[in-house]
Amino acid sequence: MELLHQIKKVVLYQTYVQMEHNGAIQNKNAKEIQVFVFSLIIICIYAQIVVLQQILIIAKIVAKASNIMIINNRNACSIVIKEQLQKTKQVVNHLIYVLMVLKVQVKYEIDSLKIIRNTNQQLQNNQIEIDFNQDGSDQALKVENDSQNTLKQLENDQILQQYNPQQIYQENPFVQEQVNQQKDINQI
């Protein structure tokens, strides 16, 4: 994970330098900066997902290799080798659990970014309507109601996000099993 944080820092710096070179910083073109940063965040999230998928593939390969060795050499394996293979299985199971947790966190992060983007877009739309219809008090009341609806929608989205990890835990027996195994490992 430290490597991913370093990659994010490098990409952020490179993006800033590129934007400065293009004149976006001097011109204070906020919309262009926002688009660059949002695109960068999405790229970093997808990079994390790709790395996590690779970790899962490696973990599955190690787990299968461990099972084959135990089955083929059941009589020939010494106690030390069996213990090492058991530890390897525990590490693989832990990696799978960490991967599931990180996927939930990445999904939560993506959902948060979508909500922020939608809220900002709605607020910008509301501001445009306010500027366009300054003379009409009825229009101003409508915009205020739309803003209140947007805030209510944001609150509802945040409530849904809070329940999302709990729902995943309840609906997925694999995640429940991994959590129980992690608790057992931590107790040892």
N, C-alpha and C. Protein backbone atom coordinates (compact mmCIF):
# COMPACT_ATOMS: atom_id res chain seq x y z
N MET A 1 0.83 -1.20 0.00
CA MET A 1 0.00 0.00 0.00
C MET A 1 0.87 1.26 0.00
N GLU A 2 2.04 1.17 0.63
CA GLU A 2 2.93 2.33 0.64
C GLU A 2 3.35 2.69 -0.78
N LEU A 3 3.56 1.67 -1.61
CA LEU A 3 3.92 1.92 -3.00
C LEU A 3 2.82 2.70 -3.72
N LEU A 4 1.56 2.34 -3.46
CA LEU A 4 0.44 3.05 -4.10
C LEU A 4 0.39 4.51 -3.66
N HIS A 5 0.68 4.76 -2.37
CA HIS A 5 0.69 6.15 -1.90
C HIS A 5 1.80 6.94 -2.59
N GLN A 6 2.96 6.31 -2.79
CA GLN A 6 4.06 6.99 -3.47
C GLN A 6 3.68 7.28 -4.93
N ILE A 7 3.02 6.30 -5.57
CA ILE A 7 2.59 6.51 -6.96
C ILE A 7 1.61 7.68 -7.04
N LYS A 8 0.67 7.74 -6.09
CA LYS A 8 -0.29 8.85 -6.07
C LYS A 8 0.44 10.19 -5.96
N LYS A 9 1.43 10.26 -5.07
CA LYS A 9 2.16 11.52 -4.88
C LYS A 9 2.87 11.94 -6.17
N VAL A 10 3.52 10.97 -6.83
CA VAL A 10 4.25 11.28 -8.05
C VAL A 10 3.28 11.75 -9.14
N VAL A 11 2.16 11.05 -9.29
CA VAL A 11 1.20 11.42 -10.33
C VAL A 11 0.58 12.77 -10.03
N LEU A 12 0.28 13.04 -8.76
CA LEU A 12 -0.26 14.35 -8.39
C LEU A 12 0.73 15.45 -8.73
N TYR A 13 2.01 15.24 -8.41
CA TYR A 13 3.02 16.25 -8.70
C TYR A 13 3.14 16.47 -10.21
N GLN A 14 3.17 15.35 -10.97
CA GLN A 14 3.29 15.48 -12.42
C GLN A 14 2.08 16.20 -13.01
N THR A 15 0.91 15.91 -12.49
CA THR A 15 -0.30 16.59 -12.98
C THR A 15 -0.24 18.07 -12.68
N TYR A 16 0.22 18.43 -11.49
CA TYR A 16 0.33 19.84 -11.11
C TYR A 16 1.31 20.56 -12.04
N VAL A 17 2.46 19.92 -12.30
CA VAL A 17 3.47 20.53 -13.17
C VAL A 17 2.89 20.70 -14.58
N GLN A 18 2.18 19.68 -15.07
CA GLN A 18 1.58 19.77 -16.41
C GLN A 18 0.55 20.89 -16.47
N MET A 19 -0.27 21.02 -15.45
CA MET A 19 -1.28 22.08 -15.42
C MET A 19 -0.62 23.45 -15.34
N GLU A 20 0.46 23.53 -14.57
CA GLU A 20 1.17 24.80 -14.46
C GLU A 20 1.78 25.16 -15.82
N HIS A 21 2.30 24.15 -16.50
CA HIS A 21 2.87 24.37 -17.83
C HIS A 21 1.80 24.85 -18.82
N ASN A 22 0.61 24.29 -18.72
CA ASN A 22 -0.49 24.67 -19.62
C ASN A 22 -1.11 26.00 -19.26
N GLY A 23 -0.73 26.57 -18.14
CA GLY A 23 -1.24 27.88 -17.75
C GLY A 23 -2.51 27.82 -16.93
N ALA A 24 -2.94 26.62 -16.54
CA ALA A 24 -4.19 26.51 -15.78
C ALA A 24 -4.04 27.12 -14.39
N ILE A 25 -2.85 27.00 -13.80
CA ILE A 25 -2.66 27.53 -12.45
C ILE A 25 -2.65 29.06 -12.49
N GLN A 26 -1.92 29.64 -13.45
CA GLN A 26 -1.85 31.09 -13.51
C GLN A 26 -3.21 31.70 -13.84
N ASN A 27 -3.96 31.04 -14.71
CA ASN A 27 -5.26 31.56 -15.11
C ASN A 27 -6.34 31.25 -14.08
N LYS A 28 -5.99 30.45 -13.10
CA LYS A 28 -6.94 30.04 -12.06
C LYS A 28 -8.20 29.43 -12.68
N ASN A 29 -7.97 28.56 -13.64
CA ASN A 29 -9.09 27.88 -14.29
C ASN A 29 -9.51 26.72 -13.40
N ALA A 30 -10.41 26.99 -12.48
CA ALA A 30 -10.79 26.03 -11.45
C ALA A 30 -11.44 24.79 -12.04
N LYS A 31 -12.23 24.97 -13.07
CA LYS A 31 -12.91 23.82 -13.65
C LYS A 31 -11.90 22.84 -14.26
N GLU A 32 -10.89 23.37 -14.96
CA GLU A 32 -9.87 22.51 -15.55
C GLU A 32 -9.08 21.79 -14.47
N ILE A 33 -8.76 22.48 -13.40
CA ILE A 33 -8.04 21.86 -12.29
C ILE A 33 -8.89 20.76 -11.68
N GLN A 34 -10.16 21.04 -11.48
CA GLN A 34 -11.06 20.05 -10.89
C GLN A 34 -11.15 18.80 -11.76
N VAL A 35 -11.24 18.97 -13.07
CA VAL A 35 -11.32 17.83 -13.98
C VAL A 35 -10.04 17.01 -13.91
N PHE A 36 -8.87 17.67 -13.89
CA PHE A 36 -7.60 16.95 -13.79
C PHE A 36 -7.52 16.15 -12.49
N VAL A 37 -7.85 16.78 -11.40
CA VAL A 37 -7.74 16.12 -10.09
C VAL A 37 -8.72 14.96 -10.00
N PHE A 38 -9.95 15.16 -10.45
CA PHE A 38 -10.93 14.08 -10.41
C PHE A 38 -10.48 12.90 -11.27
N SER A 39 -9.98 13.19 -12.46
CA SER A 39 -9.47 12.13 -13.34
C SER A 39 -8.31 11.40 -12.68
N LEU A 40 -7.45 12.14 -12.03
CA LEU A 40 -6.31 11.54 -11.35
C LEU A 40 -6.76 10.61 -10.23
N ILE A 41 -7.74 11.04 -9.47
CA ILE A 41 -8.23 10.20 -8.38
C ILE A 41 -8.81 8.90 -8.93
N ILE A 42 -9.57 8.98 -9.99
CA ILE A 42 -10.15 7.78 -10.60
C ILE A 42 -9.05 6.85 -11.10
N ILE A 43 -8.02 7.41 -11.72
CA ILE A 43 -6.89 6.60 -12.21
C ILE A 43 -6.21 5.88 -11.05
N CYS A 44 -5.99 6.59 -9.95
CA CYS A 44 -5.35 5.98 -8.78
C CYS A 44 -6.21 4.87 -8.20
N ILE A 45 -7.51 5.07 -8.16
CA ILE A 45 -8.41 4.05 -7.63
C ILE A 45 -8.36 2.80 -8.51
N TYR A 46 -8.41 2.98 -9.81
CA TYR A 46 -8.34 1.82 -10.69
C TYR A 46 -6.97 1.13 -10.60
N ALA A 47 -5.91 1.88 -10.39
CA ALA A 47 -4.59 1.27 -10.20
C ALA A 47 -4.59 0.41 -8.94
N GLN A 48 -5.23 0.89 -7.88
CA GLN A 48 -5.32 0.10 -6.65
C GLN A 48 -6.09 -1.19 -6.91
N ILE A 49 -7.18 -1.10 -7.66
CA ILE A 49 -7.97 -2.29 -7.94
C ILE A 49 -7.15 -3.31 -8.72
N VAL A 50 -6.39 -2.86 -9.71
CA VAL A 50 -5.56 -3.77 -10.50
C VAL A 50 -4.51 -4.45 -9.62
N VAL A 51 -3.86 -3.68 -8.76
CA VAL A 51 -2.85 -4.27 -7.86
C VAL A 51 -3.50 -5.28 -6.93
N LEU A 52 -4.66 -4.97 -6.41
CA LEU A 52 -5.34 -5.88 -5.50
C LEU A 52 -5.76 -7.16 -6.22
N GLN A 53 -6.18 -7.06 -7.47
CA GLN A 53 -6.53 -8.25 -8.23
C GLN A 53 -5.30 -9.13 -8.45
N GLN A 54 -4.16 -8.52 -8.71
CA GLN A 54 -2.93 -9.29 -8.89
C GLN A 54 -2.55 -10.01 -7.60
N ILE A 55 -2.71 -9.33 -6.46
CA ILE A 55 -2.42 -9.96 -5.17
C ILE A 55 -3.32 -11.16 -4.97
N LEU A 56 -4.59 -11.03 -5.30
CA LEU A 56 -5.53 -12.13 -5.14
C LEU A 56 -5.15 -13.30 -6.04
N ILE A 57 -4.74 -13.05 -7.27
CA ILE A 57 -4.33 -14.12 -8.17
C ILE A 57 -3.13 -14.87 -7.60
N ILE A 58 -2.15 -14.13 -7.11
CA ILE A 58 -0.95 -14.75 -6.52
C ILE A 58 -1.34 -15.56 -5.29
N ALA A 59 -2.23 -15.02 -4.47
CA ALA A 59 -2.65 -15.72 -3.26
C ALA A 59 -3.36 -17.02 -3.61
N LYS A 60 -4.20 -17.02 -4.64
CA LYS A 60 -4.89 -18.24 -5.05
C LYS A 60 -3.90 -19.28 -5.56
N ILE A 61 -2.90 -18.84 -6.32
CA ILE A 61 -1.90 -19.77 -6.84
C ILE A 61 -1.13 -20.42 -5.69
N VAL A 62 -0.73 -19.62 -4.70
CA VAL A 62 0.00 -20.16 -3.55
C VAL A 62 -0.87 -21.14 -2.78
N ALA A 63 -2.14 -20.80 -2.60
CA ALA A 63 -3.05 -21.68 -1.86
C ALA A 63 -3.22 -23.01 -2.59
N LYS A 64 -3.38 -22.98 -3.92
CA LYS A 64 -3.53 -24.22 -4.68
C LYS A 64 -2.25 -25.05 -4.62
N ALA A 65 -1.11 -24.41 -4.74
CA ALA A 65 0.17 -25.12 -4.68
C ALA A 65 0.34 -25.77 -3.31
N SER A 66 -0.04 -25.09 -2.26
CA SER A 66 0.06 -25.65 -0.91
C SER A 66 -0.82 -26.87 -0.77
N ASN A 67 -2.04 -26.81 -1.28
CA ASN A 67 -2.96 -27.96 -1.20
C ASN A 67 -2.43 -29.15 -1.99
N ILE A 68 -1.88 -28.92 -3.17
CA ILE A 68 -1.34 -30.01 -3.99
C ILE A 68 -0.17 -30.69 -3.29
N MET A 69 0.71 -29.92 -2.69
CA MET A 69 1.86 -30.50 -2.00
C MET A 69 1.42 -31.35 -0.83
N ILE A 70 0.42 -30.91 -0.10
CA ILE A 70 -0.05 -31.68 1.05
C ILE A 70 -0.69 -32.98 0.58
N ILE A 71 -1.48 -32.93 -0.49
CA ILE A 71 -2.16 -34.13 -0.98
C ILE A 71 -1.15 -35.12 -1.57
N ASN A 72 -0.22 -34.66 -2.39
CA ASN A 72 0.73 -35.55 -3.07
C ASN A 72 1.80 -36.11 -2.12
N ASN A 73 2.17 -35.37 -1.13
CA ASN A 73 3.27 -35.79 -0.25
C ASN A 73 2.79 -35.95 1.19
N ARG A 74 1.59 -36.44 1.37
CA ARG A 74 1.02 -36.51 2.71
C ARG A 74 1.92 -37.32 3.65
N ASN A 75 2.42 -38.45 3.18
CA ASN A 75 3.24 -39.30 4.03
C ASN A 75 4.66 -38.78 4.15
N ALA A 76 5.14 -38.05 3.14
CA ALA A 76 6.54 -37.63 3.13
C ALA A 76 6.76 -36.27 3.78
N CYS A 77 5.72 -35.50 3.97
CA CYS A 77 5.89 -34.15 4.54
C CYS A 77 6.27 -34.25 6.01
N SER A 78 7.23 -33.47 6.36
CA SER A 78 7.59 -33.42 7.78
C SER A 78 6.66 -32.44 8.49
N ILE A 79 6.72 -32.46 9.79
CA ILE A 79 5.87 -31.57 10.59
C ILE A 79 6.21 -30.11 10.32
N VAL A 80 7.48 -29.82 10.12
CA VAL A 80 7.89 -28.43 9.88
C VAL A 80 7.31 -27.91 8.58
N ILE A 81 7.37 -28.72 7.53
CA ILE A 81 6.83 -28.30 6.24
C ILE A 81 5.33 -28.10 6.34
N LYS A 82 4.64 -29.00 7.04
CA LYS A 82 3.19 -28.86 7.19
C LYS A 82 2.85 -27.57 7.94
N GLU A 83 3.64 -27.27 8.96
CA GLU A 83 3.40 -26.03 9.72
C GLU A 83 3.62 -24.81 8.83
N GLN A 84 4.68 -24.85 8.02
CA GLN A 84 4.95 -23.72 7.13
C GLN A 84 3.83 -23.56 6.09
N LEU A 85 3.35 -24.68 5.58
CA LEU A 85 2.25 -24.61 4.62
C LEU A 85 0.98 -24.07 5.28
N GLN A 86 0.76 -24.48 6.53
CA GLN A 86 -0.41 -23.96 7.24
C GLN A 86 -0.29 -22.45 7.45
N LYS A 87 0.91 -22.00 7.80
CA LYS A 87 1.12 -20.56 7.95
C LYS A 87 0.92 -19.84 6.62
N THR A 88 1.39 -20.48 5.54
CA THR A 88 1.19 -19.88 4.21
C THR A 88 -0.30 -19.75 3.90
N LYS A 89 -1.07 -20.78 4.23
CA LYS A 89 -2.52 -20.71 4.01
C LYS A 89 -3.13 -19.58 4.84
N GLN A 90 -2.67 -19.42 6.07
CA GLN A 90 -3.19 -18.34 6.91
C GLN A 90 -2.86 -16.98 6.30
N VAL A 91 -1.64 -16.85 5.78
CA VAL A 91 -1.26 -15.58 5.15
C VAL A 91 -2.12 -15.33 3.91
N VAL A 92 -2.34 -16.38 3.12
CA VAL A 92 -3.18 -16.23 1.93
C VAL A 92 -4.60 -15.83 2.33
N ASN A 93 -5.14 -16.49 3.34
CA ASN A 93 -6.48 -16.14 3.80
C ASN A 93 -6.53 -14.70 4.30
N HIS A 94 -5.47 -14.30 4.98
CA HIS A 94 -5.42 -12.91 5.46
C HIS A 94 -5.36 -11.94 4.28
N LEU A 95 -4.56 -12.27 3.26
CA LEU A 95 -4.48 -11.41 2.08
C LEU A 95 -5.83 -11.32 1.37
N ILE A 96 -6.54 -12.42 1.31
CA ILE A 96 -7.87 -12.40 0.69
C ILE A 96 -8.80 -11.50 1.49
N TYR A 97 -8.73 -11.61 2.81
CA TYR A 97 -9.56 -10.76 3.67
C TYR A 97 -9.20 -9.28 3.47
N VAL A 98 -7.91 -8.99 3.44
CA VAL A 98 -7.48 -7.60 3.24
C VAL A 98 -7.95 -7.09 1.89
N LEU A 99 -7.88 -7.94 0.88
CA LEU A 99 -8.35 -7.56 -0.45
C LEU A 99 -9.84 -7.22 -0.44
N MET A 100 -10.62 -8.04 0.25
CA MET A 100 -12.07 -7.77 0.33
C MET A 100 -12.32 -6.44 1.03
N VAL A 101 -11.60 -6.19 2.12
CA VAL A 101 -11.78 -4.94 2.86
C VAL A 101 -11.37 -3.75 1.99
N LEU A 102 -10.25 -3.88 1.28
CA LEU A 102 -9.79 -2.79 0.44
C LEU A 102 -10.74 -2.54 -0.73
N LYS A 103 -11.32 -3.60 -1.27
CA LYS A 103 -12.31 -3.40 -2.34
C LYS A 103 -13.51 -2.61 -1.82
N VAL A 104 -13.94 -2.94 -0.60
CA VAL A 104 -15.06 -2.19 0.00
C VAL A 104 -14.66 -0.73 0.18
N GLN A 105 -13.43 -0.49 0.65
CA GLN A 105 -12.97 0.88 0.86
C GLN A 105 -12.88 1.64 -0.47
N VAL A 106 -12.39 0.97 -1.51
CA VAL A 106 -12.29 1.63 -2.82
C VAL A 106 -13.69 1.94 -3.35
N LYS A 107 -14.63 1.00 -3.18
CA LYS A 107 -16.00 1.26 -3.62
C LYS A 107 -16.59 2.43 -2.84
N TYR A 108 -16.31 2.47 -1.55
CA TYR A 108 -16.80 3.58 -0.72
C TYR A 108 -16.20 4.90 -1.20
N GLU A 109 -14.91 4.87 -1.53
CA GLU A 109 -14.25 6.09 -2.02
C GLU A 109 -14.84 6.55 -3.36
N ILE A 110 -15.09 5.60 -4.26
CA ILE A 110 -15.69 5.94 -5.55
C ILE A 110 -17.09 6.51 -5.34
N ASP A 111 -17.87 5.87 -4.46
CA ASP A 111 -19.22 6.38 -4.19
C ASP A 111 -19.17 7.78 -3.60
N SER A 112 -18.21 8.01 -2.71
CA SER A 112 -18.07 9.35 -2.12
C SER A 112 -17.75 10.38 -3.20
N LEU A 113 -16.84 10.03 -4.11
CA LEU A 113 -16.49 10.96 -5.18
C LEU A 113 -17.68 11.23 -6.10
N LYS A 114 -18.46 10.20 -6.37
CA LYS A 114 -19.65 10.40 -7.22
C LYS A 114 -20.64 11.33 -6.53
N ILE A 115 -20.83 11.14 -5.23
CA ILE A 115 -21.77 11.99 -4.50
C ILE A 115 -21.27 13.43 -4.48
N ILE A 116 -19.98 13.60 -4.25
CA ILE A 116 -19.42 14.95 -4.23
C ILE A 116 -19.57 15.60 -5.60
N ARG A 117 -19.27 14.85 -6.65
CA ARG A 117 -19.40 15.39 -8.00
C ARG A 117 -20.84 15.77 -8.31
N ASN A 118 -21.78 14.88 -7.97
CA ASN A 118 -23.20 15.17 -8.23
C ASN A 118 -23.68 16.36 -7.42
N THR A 119 -23.24 16.45 -6.18
CA THR A 119 -23.64 17.58 -5.33
C THR A 119 -23.07 18.88 -5.88
N ASN A 120 -21.80 18.86 -6.25
CA ASN A 120 -21.19 20.07 -6.82
C ASN A 120 -21.89 20.48 -8.12
N GLN A 121 -22.21 19.50 -8.93
CA GLN A 121 -22.88 19.81 -10.19
C GLN A 121 -24.26 20.40 -9.93
N GLN A 122 -24.99 19.82 -8.97
CA GLN A 122 -26.32 20.35 -8.64
C GLN A 122 -26.22 21.75 -8.06
N LEU A 123 -25.22 21.97 -7.20
CA LEU A 123 -25.04 23.31 -6.64
C LEU A 123 -24.67 24.32 -7.72
N GLN A 124 -23.84 23.91 -8.68
CA GLN A 124 -23.51 24.80 -9.79
C GLN A 124 -24.75 25.11 -10.63
N ASN A 125 -25.55 24.08 -10.87
CA ASN A 125 -26.80 24.30 -11.62
C ASN A 125 -27.72 25.25 -10.87
N ASN A 126 -27.80 25.07 -9.56
CA ASN A 126 -28.63 25.96 -8.76
C ASN A 126 -28.11 27.39 -8.81
N GLN A 127 -26.78 27.55 -8.76
CA GLN A 127 -26.20 28.89 -8.81
C GLN A 127 -26.47 29.55 -10.16
N ILE A 128 -26.39 28.78 -11.23
CA ILE A 128 -26.69 29.33 -12.56
C ILE A 128 -28.15 29.79 -12.62
N GLU A 129 -29.04 28.97 -12.07
CA GLU A 129 -30.45 29.37 -12.06
C GLU A 129 -30.67 30.62 -11.23
N ILE A 130 -29.98 30.72 -10.11
CA ILE A 130 -30.12 31.91 -9.26
C ILE A 130 -29.63 33.15 -10.01
N ASP A 131 -28.47 33.04 -10.65
CA ASP A 131 -27.94 34.18 -11.40
C ASP A 131 -28.86 34.57 -12.56
N PHE A 132 -29.41 33.58 -13.22
CA PHE A 132 -30.25 33.84 -14.39
C PHE A 132 -31.60 34.44 -14.00
N ASN A 133 -32.11 34.03 -12.86
CA ASN A 133 -33.46 34.45 -12.45
C ASN A 133 -33.43 35.30 -11.19
N GLN A 134 -32.53 36.24 -11.11
CA GLN A 134 -32.44 37.07 -9.90
C GLN A 134 -33.71 37.89 -9.69
N ASP A 135 -34.38 38.28 -10.74
CA ASP A 135 -35.56 39.13 -10.60
C ASP A 135 -36.79 38.36 -10.14
N GLY A 136 -36.86 37.09 -10.38
CA GLY A 136 -38.07 36.32 -10.04
C GLY A 136 -37.96 35.68 -8.67
N SER A 137 -38.77 36.12 -7.74
CA SER A 137 -38.71 35.55 -6.39
C SER A 137 -39.24 34.12 -6.38
N ASP A 138 -40.19 33.80 -7.26
CA ASP A 138 -40.70 32.43 -7.34
C ASP A 138 -39.59 31.47 -7.77
N GLN A 139 -38.77 31.91 -8.71
CA GLN A 139 -37.66 31.08 -9.16
C GLN A 139 -36.65 30.87 -8.04
N ALA A 140 -36.41 31.91 -7.26
CA ALA A 140 -35.47 31.79 -6.14
C ALA A 140 -35.98 30.78 -5.12
N LEU A 141 -37.28 30.78 -4.85
CA LEU A 141 -37.84 29.81 -3.92
C LEU A 141 -37.69 28.39 -4.47
N LYS A 142 -37.88 28.24 -5.77
CA LYS A 142 -37.73 26.92 -6.38
C LYS A 142 -36.28 26.42 -6.25
N VAL A 143 -35.33 27.30 -6.47
CA VAL A 143 -33.92 26.93 -6.34
C VAL A 143 -33.61 26.55 -4.90
N GLU A 144 -34.17 27.29 -3.97
CA GLU A 144 -33.95 26.97 -2.55
C GLU A 144 -34.50 25.59 -2.23
N ASN A 145 -35.69 25.28 -2.76
CA ASN A 145 -36.26 23.95 -2.55
C ASN A 145 -35.39 22.88 -3.19
N ASP A 146 -34.88 23.16 -4.39
CA ASP A 146 -33.98 22.21 -5.06
C ASP A 146 -32.71 22.00 -4.24
N SER A 147 -32.19 23.07 -3.65
CA SER A 147 -30.99 22.96 -2.82
C SER A 147 -31.27 22.12 -1.58
N GLN A 148 -32.44 22.34 -0.99
CA GLN A 148 -32.81 21.53 0.17
C GLN A 148 -32.96 20.07 -0.22
N ASN A 149 -33.56 19.82 -1.38
CA ASN A 149 -33.68 18.44 -1.86
C ASN A 149 -32.31 17.83 -2.11
N THR A 150 -31.39 18.63 -2.65
CA THR A 150 -30.03 18.15 -2.88
C THR A 150 -29.36 17.79 -1.56
N LEU A 151 -29.51 18.64 -0.57
CA LEU A 151 -28.92 18.36 0.74
C LEU A 151 -29.55 17.12 1.37
N LYS A 152 -30.87 16.97 1.22
CA LYS A 152 -31.53 15.76 1.73
C LYS A 152 -31.01 14.53 1.01
N GLN A 153 -30.83 14.64 -0.31
CA GLN A 153 -30.31 13.51 -1.08
C GLN A 153 -28.89 13.17 -0.64
N LEU A 154 -28.09 14.19 -0.37
CA LEU A 154 -26.73 13.97 0.11
C LEU A 154 -26.75 13.26 1.46
N GLU A 155 -27.62 13.67 2.35
CA GLU A 155 -27.74 13.01 3.65
C GLU A 155 -28.17 11.56 3.47
N ASN A 156 -29.12 11.32 2.59
CA ASN A 156 -29.57 9.95 2.33
C ASN A 156 -28.44 9.11 1.75
N ASP A 157 -27.67 9.68 0.83
CA ASP A 157 -26.53 8.95 0.24
C ASP A 157 -25.49 8.62 1.30
N GLN A 158 -25.24 9.55 2.21
CA GLN A 158 -24.27 9.29 3.28
C GLN A 158 -24.77 8.18 4.20
N ILE A 159 -26.06 8.18 4.49
CA ILE A 159 -26.63 7.12 5.32
C ILE A 159 -26.48 5.77 4.62
N LEU A 160 -26.76 5.74 3.31
CA LEU A 160 -26.61 4.50 2.56
C LEU A 160 -25.16 4.02 2.55
N GLN A 161 -24.23 4.94 2.45
CA GLN A 161 -22.81 4.56 2.46
C GLN A 161 -22.42 3.97 3.81
N GLN A 162 -22.99 4.47 4.88
CA GLN A 162 -22.66 3.93 6.20
C GLN A 162 -23.15 2.50 6.34
N TYR A 163 -24.24 2.15 5.71
CA TYR A 163 -24.77 0.80 5.82
C TYR A 163 -24.15 -0.15 4.80
N ASN A 164 -23.48 0.36 3.79
CA ASN A 164 -22.96 -0.47 2.73
C ASN A 164 -21.98 -1.55 3.22
N PRO A 165 -20.93 -1.25 4.02
CA PRO A 165 -20.03 -2.30 4.48
C PRO A 165 -20.75 -3.33 5.36
N GLN A 166 -21.69 -2.88 6.19
CA GLN A 166 -22.43 -3.81 7.02
C GLN A 166 -23.27 -4.75 6.16
N GLN A 167 -23.87 -4.22 5.10
CA GLN A 167 -24.70 -5.02 4.21
C GLN A 167 -23.83 -6.06 3.49
N ILE A 168 -22.65 -5.66 3.06
CA ILE A 168 -21.74 -6.59 2.39
C ILE A 168 -21.37 -7.72 3.34
N TYR A 169 -21.10 -7.37 4.60
CA TYR A 169 -20.74 -8.38 5.59
C TYR A 169 -21.90 -9.35 5.80
N GLN A 170 -23.10 -8.83 5.90
CA GLN A 170 -24.26 -9.68 6.17
C GLN A 170 -24.62 -10.56 4.98
N GLU A 171 -24.45 -10.08 3.77
CA GLU A 171 -24.87 -10.82 2.59
C GLU A 171 -23.81 -11.78 2.06
N ASN A 172 -22.58 -11.64 2.47
CA ASN A 172 -21.50 -12.43 1.90
C ASN A 172 -20.92 -13.35 2.96
N PRO A 173 -21.24 -14.66 2.91
CA PRO A 173 -20.70 -15.58 3.92
C PRO A 173 -19.18 -15.70 3.83
N PHE A 174 -18.60 -15.47 2.64
CA PHE A 174 -17.15 -15.53 2.52
C PHE A 174 -16.49 -14.46 3.38
N VAL A 175 -17.03 -13.25 3.35
CA VAL A 175 -16.48 -12.17 4.17
C VAL A 175 -16.65 -12.48 5.65
N GLN A 176 -17.81 -13.05 6.02
CA GLN A 176 -18.03 -13.42 7.42
C GLN A 176 -17.01 -14.46 7.87
N GLU A 177 -16.75 -15.44 7.01
CA GLU A 177 -15.77 -16.47 7.34
C GLU A 177 -14.38 -15.87 7.50
N GLN A 178 -14.02 -14.95 6.61
CA GLN A 178 -12.71 -14.32 6.70
C GLN A 178 -12.57 -13.50 7.97
N VAL A 179 -13.63 -12.79 8.34
CA VAL A 179 -13.59 -12.00 9.57
C VAL A 179 -13.43 -12.91 10.77
N ASN A 180 -14.15 -14.04 10.79
CA ASN A 180 -14.03 -14.99 11.90
C ASN A 180 -12.63 -15.58 11.96
N GLN A 181 -12.05 -15.92 10.80
CA GLN A 181 -10.69 -16.45 10.78
C GLN A 181 -9.69 -15.41 11.28
N GLN A 182 -9.90 -14.17 10.89
CA GLN A 182 -9.00 -13.10 11.34
C GLN A 182 -9.10 -12.93 12.85
N LYS A 183 -10.31 -13.04 13.39
CA LYS A 183 -10.48 -12.94 14.84
C LYS A 183 -9.74 -14.08 15.54
N ASP A 184 -9.84 -15.31 14.97
CA ASP A 184 -9.15 -16.45 15.54
C ASP A 184 -7.64 -16.25 15.50
N ILE A 185 -7.14 -15.74 14.39
CA ILE A 185 -5.69 -15.49 14.26
C ILE A 185 -5.24 -14.44 15.26
N ASN A 186 -6.03 -13.41 15.42
CA ASN A 186 -5.68 -12.34 16.37
C ASN A 186 -5.70 -12.84 17.81
N GLN A 187 -6.57 -13.80 18.13
CA GLN A 187 -6.63 -14.33 19.48
C GLN A 187 -5.42 -15.19 19.79
N ILE A 188 -4.87 -15.82 18.75
CA ILE A 188 -3.68 -16.67 18.95
C ILE A 188 -2.52 -15.76 19.18
